[in-house]
């Protein structure tokens, strides 16, 4: 059997043919092309057609996009996505940083259990999460029962049926789902920070808050960027959780997000071509914002290296 060292000594490569490594990649690339790239290209194509999803597509040029620019429902739904980004992105990151400071700067017995338990919401099915929390938020559910028990019965309400509180209820569930991801990223990053930096901070008289602000936070910059991009994309792509909790964006349209609107246009109103245009615009927005955030972060890193 020829080893890589003998192959090098004989002038031959470990692989008999240069294309052999690409053959190993072929199954993964095929799955990606069939189930990801092809549907994306198909959606882009149909966005230029007047198509019900069943009829023969009729080329419409930019008509779908022109209609979309003046569609108040779509932009309102997109605004709801950005509102949910507060609960899906900002709050989970803040909670993740708080939990990281509590779990990493001291010896916590059973830390693996804490990390695993706090991460459970992230790995649960969104459908299951939605069903559980819909029961919690019911008028006769545990939340209202608890309020009544402590003498705050006047605050009880059908949370998911209230025009004012429904968006906050949905956002709360989003925070509960996403904070575990941020926490795991931050805890892993904090464990890689040189302990000598904390020792030096202590020598200079830094308290726990100052250590976190000047040592831990800068050391987690890359993890914060990753958490921001992942959770922000989740906020713009949110569908199943809202669908289950509010039964397609209710009450009224106060929790309707872009993905719900795309679903309604494509499968309920049979405007598949128009829904494709919505999906394309939503994808462009997600990719653009993510690219800008990553670019700004990389430029900041280059400026620090230059300094």
C-alpha atoms as a PDB file:
ATOM      1  CA  UNK A   1       0.000   0.000   0.000  1.00  0.00           C
ATOM      2  CA  UNK A   2       1.415   3.339  -1.006  1.00  0.00           C
ATOM      3  CA  UNK A   3       1.561   5.982   1.724  1.00  0.00           C
ATOM      4  CA  UNK A   4       1.565   9.761   1.108  1.00  0.00           C
ATOM      5  CA  UNK A   5       5.305   9.875   1.977  1.00  0.00           C
ATOM      6  CA  UNK A   6       6.175   7.205  -0.566  1.00  0.00           C
ATOM      7  CA  UNK A   7       3.920   8.886  -3.089  1.00  0.00           C
ATOM      8  CA  UNK A   8       5.834  12.146  -2.613  1.00  0.00           C
ATOM      9  CA  UNK A   9       9.185  10.378  -2.894  1.00  0.00           C
ATOM     10  CA  UNK A  10       8.129   8.797  -6.142  1.00  0.00           C
ATOM     11  CA  UNK A  11       6.825  12.069  -7.497  1.00  0.00           C
ATOM     12  CA  UNK A  12       3.223  10.907  -7.440  1.00  0.00           C
ATOM     13  CA  UNK A  13       0.318  12.526  -5.595  1.00  0.00           C
ATOM     14  CA  UNK A  14      -1.605  10.705  -2.854  1.00  0.00           C
ATOM     15  CA  UNK A  15      -4.586  10.706  -5.194  1.00  0.00           C
ATOM     16  CA  UNK A  16      -4.256   8.900  -8.483  1.00  0.00           C
ATOM     17  CA  UNK A  17      -6.259  11.595 -10.270  1.00  0.00           C
ATOM     18  CA  UNK A  18      -6.590  15.286  -9.494  1.00  0.00           C
ATOM     19  CA  UNK A  19     -10.379  15.126  -9.646  1.00  0.00           C
ATOM     20  CA  UNK A  20     -10.720  12.485  -6.926  1.00  0.00           C
ATOM     21  CA  UNK A  21     -11.209  15.037  -4.082  1.00  0.00           C
ATOM     22  CA  UNK A  22     -13.991  16.661  -6.078  1.00  0.00           C
ATOM     23  CA  UNK A  23     -15.761  13.332  -6.360  1.00  0.00           C
ATOM     24  CA  UNK A  24     -15.935  13.239  -2.563  1.00  0.00           C
ATOM     25  CA  UNK A  25     -17.591  16.663  -2.588  1.00  0.00           C
ATOM     26  CA  UNK A  26     -20.033  15.729  -5.317  1.00  0.00           C
ATOM     27  CA  UNK A  27     -22.825  14.244  -3.110  1.00  0.00           C
ATOM     28  CA  UNK A  28     -22.953  17.318  -0.882  1.00  0.00           C
ATOM     29  CA  UNK A  29     -22.855  19.682  -3.839  1.00  0.00           C
ATOM     30  CA  UNK A  30     -25.631  17.725  -5.561  1.00  0.00           C
ATOM     31  CA  UNK A  31     -27.878  17.943  -2.498  1.00  0.00           C
ATOM     32  CA  UNK A  32     -27.194  21.690  -2.230  1.00  0.00           C
ATOM     33  CA  UNK A  33     -27.927  22.309  -5.899  1.00  0.00           C
ATOM     34  CA  UNK A  34     -31.135  20.254  -5.925  1.00  0.00           C
ATOM     35  CA  UNK A  35     -32.661  21.402  -2.646  1.00  0.00           C
ATOM     36  CA  UNK A  36     -31.234  24.928  -2.185  1.00  0.00           C
ATOM     37  CA  UNK A  37     -29.799  26.508  -5.307  1.00  0.00           C
ATOM     38  CA  UNK A  38     -32.418  25.241  -7.788  1.00  0.00           C
ATOM     39  CA  UNK A  39     -35.402  26.434  -5.686  1.00  0.00           C
ATOM     40  CA  UNK A  40     -33.738  29.834  -5.236  1.00  0.00           C
ATOM     41  CA  UNK A  41     -33.210  30.208  -8.971  1.00  0.00           C
ATOM     42  CA  UNK A  42     -36.752  28.960  -9.616  1.00  0.00           C
ATOM     43  CA  UNK A  43     -38.156  31.559  -7.222  1.00  0.00           C
ATOM     44  CA  UNK A  44     -36.155  34.285  -8.936  1.00  0.00           C
ATOM     45  CA  UNK A  45     -37.435  33.156 -12.326  1.00  0.00           C
ATOM     46  CA  UNK A  46     -41.088  33.002 -11.302  1.00  0.00           C
ATOM     47  CA  UNK A  47     -40.878  36.458  -9.733  1.00  0.00           C
ATOM     48  CA  UNK A  48     -40.952  37.824 -13.289  1.00  0.00           C
ATOM     49  CA  UNK A  49     -44.108  35.881 -14.192  1.00  0.00           C
ATOM     50  CA  UNK A  50     -47.800  36.192 -13.547  1.00  0.00           C
ATOM     51  CA  UNK A  51     -48.417  32.713 -12.162  1.00  0.00           C
ATOM     52  CA  UNK A  52     -51.000  31.189  -9.850  1.00  0.00           C
ATOM     53  CA  UNK A  53     -48.948  28.114  -9.061  1.00  0.00           C
ATOM     54  CA  UNK A  54     -51.169  25.956 -11.289  1.00  0.00           C
ATOM     55  CA  UNK A  55     -51.652  27.958 -14.481  1.00  0.00           C
ATOM     56  CA  UNK A  56     -49.202  28.448 -17.306  1.00  0.00           C
ATOM     57  CA  UNK A  57     -46.705  31.169 -16.275  1.00  0.00           C
ATOM     58  CA  UNK A  58     -47.099  34.397 -18.253  1.00  0.00           C
ATOM     59  CA  UNK A  59     -44.095  36.696 -18.438  1.00  0.00           C
ATOM     60  CA  UNK A  60     -44.832  39.988 -16.646  1.00  0.00           C
ATOM     61  CA  UNK A  61     -41.417  41.630 -16.503  1.00  0.00           C
ATOM     62  CA  UNK A  62     -41.020  43.862 -13.462  1.00  0.00           C
ATOM     63  CA  UNK A  63     -44.755  44.138 -12.823  1.00  0.00           C
ATOM     64  CA  UNK A  64     -44.585  42.108  -9.611  1.00  0.00           C
ATOM     65  CA  UNK A  65     -41.786  44.269  -8.248  1.00  0.00           C
ATOM     66  CA  UNK A  66     -43.584  47.471  -9.217  1.00  0.00           C
ATOM     67  CA  UNK A  67     -46.661  46.271  -7.390  1.00  0.00           C
ATOM     68  CA  UNK A  68     -44.531  45.293  -4.403  1.00  0.00           C
ATOM     69  CA  UNK A  69     -43.041  48.767  -4.055  1.00  0.00           C
ATOM     70  CA  UNK A  70     -46.510  50.144  -3.331  1.00  0.00           C
ATOM     71  CA  UNK A  71     -47.780  47.219  -1.251  1.00  0.00           C
ATOM     72  CA  UNK A  72     -48.359  48.656   2.212  1.00  0.00           C
ATOM     73  CA  UNK A  73     -49.141  45.217   3.663  1.00  0.00           C
ATOM     74  CA  UNK A  74     -45.705  43.902   2.707  1.00  0.00           C
ATOM     75  CA  UNK A  75     -43.804  46.836   4.172  1.00  0.00           C
ATOM     76  CA  UNK A  76     -45.900  46.735   7.340  1.00  0.00           C
ATOM     77  CA  UNK A  77     -45.163  43.027   7.642  1.00  0.00           C
ATOM     78  CA  UNK A  78     -41.450  43.711   7.127  1.00  0.00           C
ATOM     79  CA  UNK A  79     -41.679  46.361   9.834  1.00  0.00           C
ATOM     80  CA  UNK A  80     -43.048  43.693  12.164  1.00  0.00           C
ATOM     81  CA  UNK A  81     -39.979  41.587  11.343  1.00  0.00           C
ATOM     82  CA  UNK A  82     -37.704  44.411  12.433  1.00  0.00           C
ATOM     83  CA  UNK A  83     -39.786  44.854  15.589  1.00  0.00           C
ATOM     84  CA  UNK A  84     -39.315  41.164  16.380  1.00  0.00           C
ATOM     85  CA  UNK A  85     -35.574  41.608  15.780  1.00  0.00           C
ATOM     86  CA  UNK A  86     -35.496  43.418  19.138  1.00  0.00           C
ATOM     87  CA  UNK A  87     -36.695  40.200  20.791  1.00  0.00           C
ATOM     88  CA  UNK A  88     -34.869  37.786  18.496  1.00  0.00           C
ATOM     89  CA  UNK A  89     -31.521  39.601  18.388  1.00  0.00           C
ATOM     90  CA  UNK A  90     -30.945  42.392  20.907  1.00  0.00           C
ATOM     91  CA  UNK A  91     -32.503  40.808  24.004  1.00  0.00           C
ATOM     92  CA  UNK A  92     -31.044  37.300  23.449  1.00  0.00           C
ATOM     93  CA  UNK A  93     -27.574  38.786  23.036  1.00  0.00           C
ATOM     94  CA  UNK A  94     -27.924  40.828  26.236  1.00  0.00           C
ATOM     95  CA  UNK A  95     -29.292  37.843  28.156  1.00  0.00           C
ATOM     96  CA  UNK A  96     -26.564  35.621  26.707  1.00  0.00           C
ATOM     97  CA  UNK A  97     -23.878  38.065  27.872  1.00  0.00           C
ATOM     98  CA  UNK A  98     -25.417  38.206  31.349  1.00  0.00           C
ATOM     99  CA  UNK A  99     -25.549  34.421  31.646  1.00  0.00           C
ATOM    100  CA  UNK A 100     -21.994  34.163  30.336  1.00  0.00           C
ATOM    101  CA  UNK A 101     -20.740  36.523  33.013  1.00  0.00           C
ATOM    102  CA  UNK A 102     -22.495  34.450  35.676  1.00  0.00           C
ATOM    103  CA  UNK A 103     -21.390  31.049  34.384  1.00  0.00           C
ATOM    104  CA  UNK A 104     -17.757  31.703  33.453  1.00  0.00           C
ATOM    105  CA  UNK A 105     -16.222  34.030  36.048  1.00  0.00           C
ATOM    106  CA  UNK A 106     -16.625  31.632  38.919  1.00  0.00           C
ATOM    107  CA  UNK A 107     -16.743  27.932  39.608  1.00  0.00           C
ATOM    108  CA  UNK A 108     -20.298  26.834  38.972  1.00  0.00           C
ATOM    109  CA  UNK A 109     -21.093  23.301  40.026  1.00  0.00           C
ATOM    110  CA  UNK A 110     -22.990  21.415  37.349  1.00  0.00           C
ATOM    111  CA  UNK A 111     -22.223  24.015  34.675  1.00  0.00           C
ATOM    112  CA  UNK A 112     -22.789  21.472  31.893  1.00  0.00           C
ATOM    113  CA  UNK A 113     -26.308  20.886  33.205  1.00  0.00           C
ATOM    114  CA  UNK A 114     -26.999  24.627  33.280  1.00  0.00           C
ATOM    115  CA  UNK A 115     -25.706  25.076  29.739  1.00  0.00           C
ATOM    116  CA  UNK A 116     -27.669  22.126  28.435  1.00  0.00           C
ATOM    117  CA  UNK A 117     -30.873  23.131  30.178  1.00  0.00           C
ATOM    118  CA  UNK A 118     -30.694  26.755  29.038  1.00  0.00           C
ATOM    119  CA  UNK A 119     -30.001  25.625  25.465  1.00  0.00           C
ATOM    120  CA  UNK A 120     -33.039  23.317  25.288  1.00  0.00           C
ATOM    121  CA  UNK A 121     -35.450  25.961  23.829  1.00  0.00           C
ATOM    122  CA  UNK A 122     -33.105  26.440  20.871  1.00  0.00           C
ATOM    123  CA  UNK A 123     -33.253  22.778  19.842  1.00  0.00           C
ATOM    124  CA  UNK A 124     -36.982  22.317  20.361  1.00  0.00           C
ATOM    125  CA  UNK A 125     -39.259  22.246  17.338  1.00  0.00           C
ATOM    126  CA  UNK A 126     -40.824  25.696  16.732  1.00  0.00           C
ATOM    127  CA  UNK A 127     -44.194  23.976  16.315  1.00  0.00           C
ATOM    128  CA  UNK A 128     -43.908  22.383  19.742  1.00  0.00           C
ATOM    129  CA  UNK A 129     -42.749  25.685  21.244  1.00  0.00           C
ATOM    130  CA  UNK A 130     -45.700  27.485  19.669  1.00  0.00           C
ATOM    131  CA  UNK A 131     -48.244  24.975  20.960  1.00  0.00           C
ATOM    132  CA  UNK A 132     -46.811  25.090  24.490  1.00  0.00           C
ATOM    133  CA  UNK A 133     -46.730  28.857  24.699  1.00  0.00           C
ATOM    134  CA  UNK A 134     -50.154  29.249  23.094  1.00  0.00           C
ATOM    135  CA  UNK A 135     -51.494  27.212  25.998  1.00  0.00           C
ATOM    136  CA  UNK A 136     -49.546  29.369  28.477  1.00  0.00           C
ATOM    137  CA  UNK A 137     -51.012  32.573  26.990  1.00  0.00           C
ATOM    138  CA  UNK A 138     -54.638  31.408  26.933  1.00  0.00           C
ATOM    139  CA  UNK A 139     -57.184  33.295  29.027  1.00  0.00           C
ATOM    140  CA  UNK A 140     -57.421  30.334  31.399  1.00  0.00           C
ATOM    141  CA  UNK A 141     -53.756  29.409  30.983  1.00  0.00           C
ATOM    142  CA  UNK A 142     -51.000  29.263  33.606  1.00  0.00           C
ATOM    143  CA  UNK A 143     -49.887  32.889  33.138  1.00  0.00           C
ATOM    144  CA  UNK A 144     -53.292  34.381  33.868  1.00  0.00           C
ATOM    145  CA  UNK A 145     -53.875  31.891  36.670  1.00  0.00           C
ATOM    146  CA  UNK A 146     -50.600  32.952  38.275  1.00  0.00           C
ATOM    147  CA  UNK A 147     -51.565  36.622  37.983  1.00  0.00           C
ATOM    148  CA  UNK A 148     -54.898  35.912  39.606  1.00  0.00           C
ATOM    149  CA  UNK A 149     -53.233  33.961  42.396  1.00  0.00           C
ATOM    150  CA  UNK A 150     -50.962  36.871  43.357  1.00  0.00           C
ATOM    151  CA  UNK A 151     -53.806  39.378  43.236  1.00  0.00           C
ATOM    152  CA  UNK A 152     -53.225  40.801  39.765  1.00  0.00           C
ATOM    153  CA  UNK A 153     -56.303  39.298  38.151  1.00  0.00           C
ATOM    154  CA  UNK A 154     -57.137  42.625  36.469  1.00  0.00           C
ATOM    155  CA  UNK A 155     -53.958  42.225  34.398  1.00  0.00           C
ATOM    156  CA  UNK A 156     -55.123  38.869  32.996  1.00  0.00           C
ATOM    157  CA  UNK A 157     -56.007  38.979  29.323  1.00  0.00           C
ATOM    158  CA  UNK A 158     -55.982  36.807  26.197  1.00  0.00           C
ATOM    159  CA  UNK A 159     -52.411  37.787  25.416  1.00  0.00           C
ATOM    160  CA  UNK A 160     -52.272  36.466  21.863  1.00  0.00           C
ATOM    161  CA  UNK A 161     -55.693  37.942  21.056  1.00  0.00           C
ATOM    162  CA  UNK A 162     -54.903  41.411  22.346  1.00  0.00           C
ATOM    163  CA  UNK A 163     -53.959  43.936  19.643  1.00  0.00           C
ATOM    164  CA  UNK A 164     -51.509  45.685  21.965  1.00  0.00           C
ATOM    165  CA  UNK A 165     -49.896  42.755  23.725  1.00  0.00           C
ATOM    166  CA  UNK A 166     -49.855  40.069  21.005  1.00  0.00           C
ATOM    167  CA  UNK A 167     -46.620  41.336  19.362  1.00  0.00           C
ATOM    168  CA  UNK A 168     -44.891  41.462  22.748  1.00  0.00           C
ATOM    169  CA  UNK A 169     -46.104  37.966  23.627  1.00  0.00           C
ATOM    170  CA  UNK A 170     -44.743  36.576  20.365  1.00  0.00           C
ATOM    171  CA  UNK A 171     -41.507  38.504  20.856  1.00  0.00           C
ATOM    172  CA  UNK A 172     -41.123  37.104  24.371  1.00  0.00           C
ATOM    173  CA  UNK A 173     -41.297  33.558  23.018  1.00  0.00           C
ATOM    174  CA  UNK A 174     -38.715  34.470  20.384  1.00  0.00           C
ATOM    175  CA  UNK A 175     -36.352  35.698  23.098  1.00  0.00           C
ATOM    176  CA  UNK A 176     -36.894  32.485  25.064  1.00  0.00           C
ATOM    177  CA  UNK A 177     -35.971  30.444  21.986  1.00  0.00           C
ATOM    178  CA  UNK A 178     -32.918  32.412  20.843  1.00  0.00           C
ATOM    179  CA  UNK A 179     -31.052  33.344  24.028  1.00  0.00           C
ATOM    180  CA  UNK A 180     -29.660  29.805  24.389  1.00  0.00           C
ATOM    181  CA  UNK A 181     -27.819  30.077  21.079  1.00  0.00           C
ATOM    182  CA  UNK A 182     -26.195  33.353  22.101  1.00  0.00           C
ATOM    183  CA  UNK A 183     -25.275  31.962  25.523  1.00  0.00           C
ATOM    184  CA  UNK A 184     -23.571  28.860  24.117  1.00  0.00           C
ATOM    185  CA  UNK A 185     -21.567  30.943  21.636  1.00  0.00           C
ATOM    186  CA  UNK A 186     -20.491  33.393  24.322  1.00  0.00           C
ATOM    187  CA  UNK A 187     -19.601  30.761  26.925  1.00  0.00           C
ATOM    188  CA  UNK A 188     -17.439  28.938  24.375  1.00  0.00           C
ATOM    189  CA  UNK A 189     -15.757  32.212  23.433  1.00  0.00           C
ATOM    190  CA  UNK A 190     -15.207  33.270  27.052  1.00  0.00           C
ATOM    191  CA  UNK A 191     -13.439  29.999  27.825  1.00  0.00           C
ATOM    192  CA  UNK A 192     -10.866  30.906  25.179  1.00  0.00           C
ATOM    193  CA  UNK A 193      -9.973  34.288  26.705  1.00  0.00           C
ATOM    194  CA  UNK A 194      -6.504  34.316  28.272  1.00  0.00           C
ATOM    195  CA  UNK A 195      -6.824  34.204  32.060  1.00  0.00           C
ATOM    196  CA  UNK A 196      -3.768  36.454  32.342  1.00  0.00           C
ATOM    197  CA  UNK A 197      -5.887  39.333  31.065  1.00  0.00           C
ATOM    198  CA  UNK A 198      -8.221  38.954  34.033  1.00  0.00           C
ATOM    199  CA  UNK A 199      -5.275  38.700  36.424  1.00  0.00           C
ATOM    200  CA  UNK A 200      -3.842  41.912  35.020  1.00  0.00           C
ATOM    201  CA  UNK A 201      -7.214  43.626  35.369  1.00  0.00           C
ATOM    202  CA  UNK A 202      -7.396  42.565  39.015  1.00  0.00           C
ATOM    203  CA  UNK A 203      -3.900  43.927  39.645  1.00  0.00           C
ATOM    204  CA  UNK A 204      -5.011  47.301  38.282  1.00  0.00           C
ATOM    205  CA  UNK A 205      -8.026  47.269  40.611  1.00  0.00           C
ATOM    206  CA  UNK A 206     -10.785  46.396  38.153  1.00  0.00           C
ATOM    207  CA  UNK A 207     -13.989  45.111  39.705  1.00  0.00           C
ATOM    208  CA  UNK A 208     -16.185  42.385  38.206  1.00  0.00           C
ATOM    209  CA  UNK A 209     -18.147  44.806  36.017  1.00  0.00           C
ATOM    210  CA  UNK A 210     -14.987  46.451  34.707  1.00  0.00           C
ATOM    211  CA  UNK A 211     -13.432  43.056  33.992  1.00  0.00           C
ATOM    212  CA  UNK A 212     -16.494  42.112  31.972  1.00  0.00           C
ATOM    213  CA  UNK A 213     -16.570  45.428  30.101  1.00  0.00           C
ATOM    214  CA  UNK A 214     -12.866  45.699  29.270  1.00  0.00           C
ATOM    215  CA  UNK A 215     -11.821  42.042  29.012  1.00  0.00           C
ATOM    216  CA  UNK A 216     -14.756  39.713  28.399  1.00  0.00           C
ATOM    217  CA  UNK A 217     -16.752  41.896  26.024  1.00  0.00           C
ATOM    218  CA  UNK A 218     -13.846  42.696  23.641  1.00  0.00           C
ATOM    219  CA  UNK A 219     -12.863  39.037  23.709  1.00  0.00           C
ATOM    220  CA  UNK A 220     -16.338  38.010  22.569  1.00  0.00           C
ATOM    221  CA  UNK A 221     -16.522  40.376  19.623  1.00  0.00           C
ATOM    222  CA  UNK A 222     -16.479  37.650  16.978  1.00  0.00           C
ATOM    223  CA  UNK A 223     -19.031  35.548  18.861  1.00  0.00           C
ATOM    224  CA  UNK A 224     -21.318  38.570  19.231  1.00  0.00           C
ATOM    225  CA  UNK A 225     -21.105  39.154  15.470  1.00  0.00           C
ATOM    226  CA  UNK A 226     -22.016  35.525  14.751  1.00  0.00           C
ATOM    227  CA  UNK A 227     -24.897  35.636  17.233  1.00  0.00           C
ATOM    228  CA  UNK A 228     -26.170  38.897  15.742  1.00  0.00           C
ATOM    229  CA  UNK A 229     -26.151  37.610  12.170  1.00  0.00           C
ATOM    230  CA  UNK A 230     -27.777  34.263  13.039  1.00  0.00           C
ATOM    231  CA  UNK A 231     -30.500  35.715  15.268  1.00  0.00           C
ATOM    232  CA  UNK A 232     -31.205  38.633  12.931  1.00  0.00           C
ATOM    233  CA  UNK A 233     -31.672  36.262  10.014  1.00  0.00           C
ATOM    234  CA  UNK A 234     -34.007  34.218  12.233  1.00  0.00           C
ATOM    235  CA  UNK A 235     -36.028  37.375  12.965  1.00  0.00           C
ATOM    236  CA  UNK A 236     -36.451  38.160   9.263  1.00  0.00           C
ATOM    237  CA  UNK A 237     -37.242  34.537   8.365  1.00  0.00           C
ATOM    238  CA  UNK A 238     -39.649  33.879  11.237  1.00  0.00           C
ATOM    239  CA  UNK A 239     -42.700  31.917  10.119  1.00  0.00           C
ATOM    240  CA  UNK A 240     -43.665  28.765  12.006  1.00  0.00           C
ATOM    241  CA  UNK A 241     -43.629  30.276  15.495  1.00  0.00           C
ATOM    242  CA  UNK A 242     -45.911  33.167  14.472  1.00  0.00           C
ATOM    243  CA  UNK A 243     -48.065  30.834  12.411  1.00  0.00           C
ATOM    244  CA  UNK A 244     -48.746  28.528  15.367  1.00  0.00           C
ATOM    245  CA  UNK A 245     -49.007  31.180  18.073  1.00  0.00           C
ATOM    246  CA  UNK A 246     -51.281  33.663  16.320  1.00  0.00           C
ATOM    247  CA  UNK A 247     -52.905  31.560  13.596  1.00  0.00           C
ATOM    248  CA  UNK A 248     -51.336  33.384  10.650  1.00  0.00           C
ATOM    249  CA  UNK A 249     -50.500  36.780  12.084  1.00  0.00           C
ATOM    250  CA  UNK A 250     -53.516  37.719  14.171  1.00  0.00           C
ATOM    251  CA  UNK A 251     -55.236  39.432  15.746  1.00  0.00           C
ATOM    252  CA  UNK A 252     -55.909  41.404  12.615  1.00  0.00           C
ATOM    253  CA  UNK A 253     -52.472  41.857  11.051  1.00  0.00           C
ATOM    254  CA  UNK A 254     -50.510  43.100  14.061  1.00  0.00           C
ATOM    255  CA  UNK A 255     -48.162  40.081  14.067  1.00  0.00           C
ATOM    256  CA  UNK A 256     -48.149  39.353  10.335  1.00  0.00           C
ATOM    257  CA  UNK A 257     -44.551  39.024   9.152  1.00  0.00           C
ATOM    258  CA  UNK A 258     -43.155  38.853   5.633  1.00  0.00           C
ATOM    259  CA  UNK A 259     -43.008  35.053   5.517  1.00  0.00           C
ATOM    260  CA  UNK A 260     -46.645  34.766   6.606  1.00  0.00           C
ATOM    261  CA  UNK A 261     -47.648  37.209   3.881  1.00  0.00           C
ATOM    262  CA  UNK A 262     -45.667  35.251   1.296  1.00  0.00           C
ATOM    263  CA  UNK A 263     -47.426  32.062   2.382  1.00  0.00           C
ATOM    264  CA  UNK A 264     -50.843  33.708   2.136  1.00  0.00           C
ATOM    265  CA  UNK A 265     -50.161  35.163  -1.300  1.00  0.00           C
ATOM    266  CA  UNK A 266     -48.765  31.911  -2.686  1.00  0.00           C
ATOM    267  CA  UNK A 267     -51.023  29.250  -1.195  1.00  0.00           C
ATOM    268  CA  UNK A 268     -54.230  31.027  -0.229  1.00  0.00           C
ATOM    269  CA  UNK A 269     -54.586  33.768  -2.854  1.00  0.00           C
ATOM    270  CA  UNK A 270     -52.809  31.785  -5.616  1.00  0.00           C
ATOM    271  CA  UNK A 271     -50.441  34.649  -6.474  1.00  0.00           C
ATOM    272  CA  UNK A 272     -47.314  32.503  -6.660  1.00  0.00           C
ATOM    273  CA  UNK A 273     -45.461  34.866  -8.993  1.00  0.00           C
ATOM    274  CA  UNK A 274     -46.072  37.833  -6.724  1.00  0.00           C
ATOM    275  CA  UNK A 275     -45.125  35.800  -3.655  1.00  0.00           C
ATOM    276  CA  UNK A 276     -41.870  34.872  -5.407  1.00  0.00           C
ATOM    277  CA  UNK A 277     -41.080  38.563  -5.848  1.00  0.00           C
ATOM    278  CA  UNK A 278     -41.693  39.085  -2.122  1.00  0.00           C
ATOM    279  CA  UNK A 279     -39.366  36.196  -1.293  1.00  0.00           C
ATOM    280  CA  UNK A 280     -36.640  37.591  -3.549  1.00  0.00           C
ATOM    281  CA  UNK A 281     -36.836  41.048  -1.947  1.00  0.00           C
ATOM    282  CA  UNK A 282     -36.778  39.525   1.539  1.00  0.00           C
ATOM    283  CA  UNK A 283     -33.718  37.444   0.609  1.00  0.00           C
ATOM    284  CA  UNK A 284     -31.910  40.488  -0.780  1.00  0.00           C
ATOM    285  CA  UNK A 285     -32.614  42.418   2.423  1.00  0.00           C
ATOM    286  CA  UNK A 286     -31.320  39.577   4.607  1.00  0.00           C
ATOM    287  CA  UNK A 287     -28.156  39.073   2.565  1.00  0.00           C
ATOM    288  CA  UNK A 288     -27.470  42.813   2.296  1.00  0.00           C
ATOM    289  CA  UNK A 289     -27.798  43.526   6.021  1.00  0.00           C
ATOM    290  CA  UNK A 290     -25.699  40.490   6.922  1.00  0.00           C
ATOM    291  CA  UNK A 291     -23.000  41.516   4.437  1.00  0.00           C
ATOM    292  CA  UNK A 292     -22.905  45.082   5.774  1.00  0.00           C
ATOM    293  CA  UNK A 293     -22.550  43.884   9.380  1.00  0.00           C
ATOM    294  CA  UNK A 294     -19.753  41.458   8.478  1.00  0.00           C
ATOM    295  CA  UNK A 295     -17.977  44.122   6.401  1.00  0.00           C
ATOM    296  CA  UNK A 296     -18.107  46.703   9.193  1.00  0.00           C
ATOM    297  CA  UNK A 297     -16.767  44.149  11.659  1.00  0.00           C
ATOM    298  CA  UNK A 298     -13.914  43.111   9.369  1.00  0.00           C
ATOM    299  CA  UNK A 299     -13.036  46.750   8.690  1.00  0.00           C
ATOM    300  CA  UNK A 300     -12.953  47.414  12.433  1.00  0.00           C
ATOM    301  CA  UNK A 301     -10.590  44.478  12.887  1.00  0.00           C
ATOM    302  CA  UNK A 302      -8.305  45.803  10.132  1.00  0.00           C
ATOM    303  CA  UNK A 303      -8.244  49.263  11.696  1.00  0.00           C
ATOM    304  CA  UNK A 304      -7.285  47.792  15.081  1.00  0.00           C
ATOM    305  CA  UNK A 305      -4.528  45.688  13.518  1.00  0.00           C
ATOM    306  CA  UNK A 306      -3.196  48.749  11.726  1.00  0.00           C
ATOM    307  CA  UNK A 307      -3.226  50.746  14.964  1.00  0.00           C
END
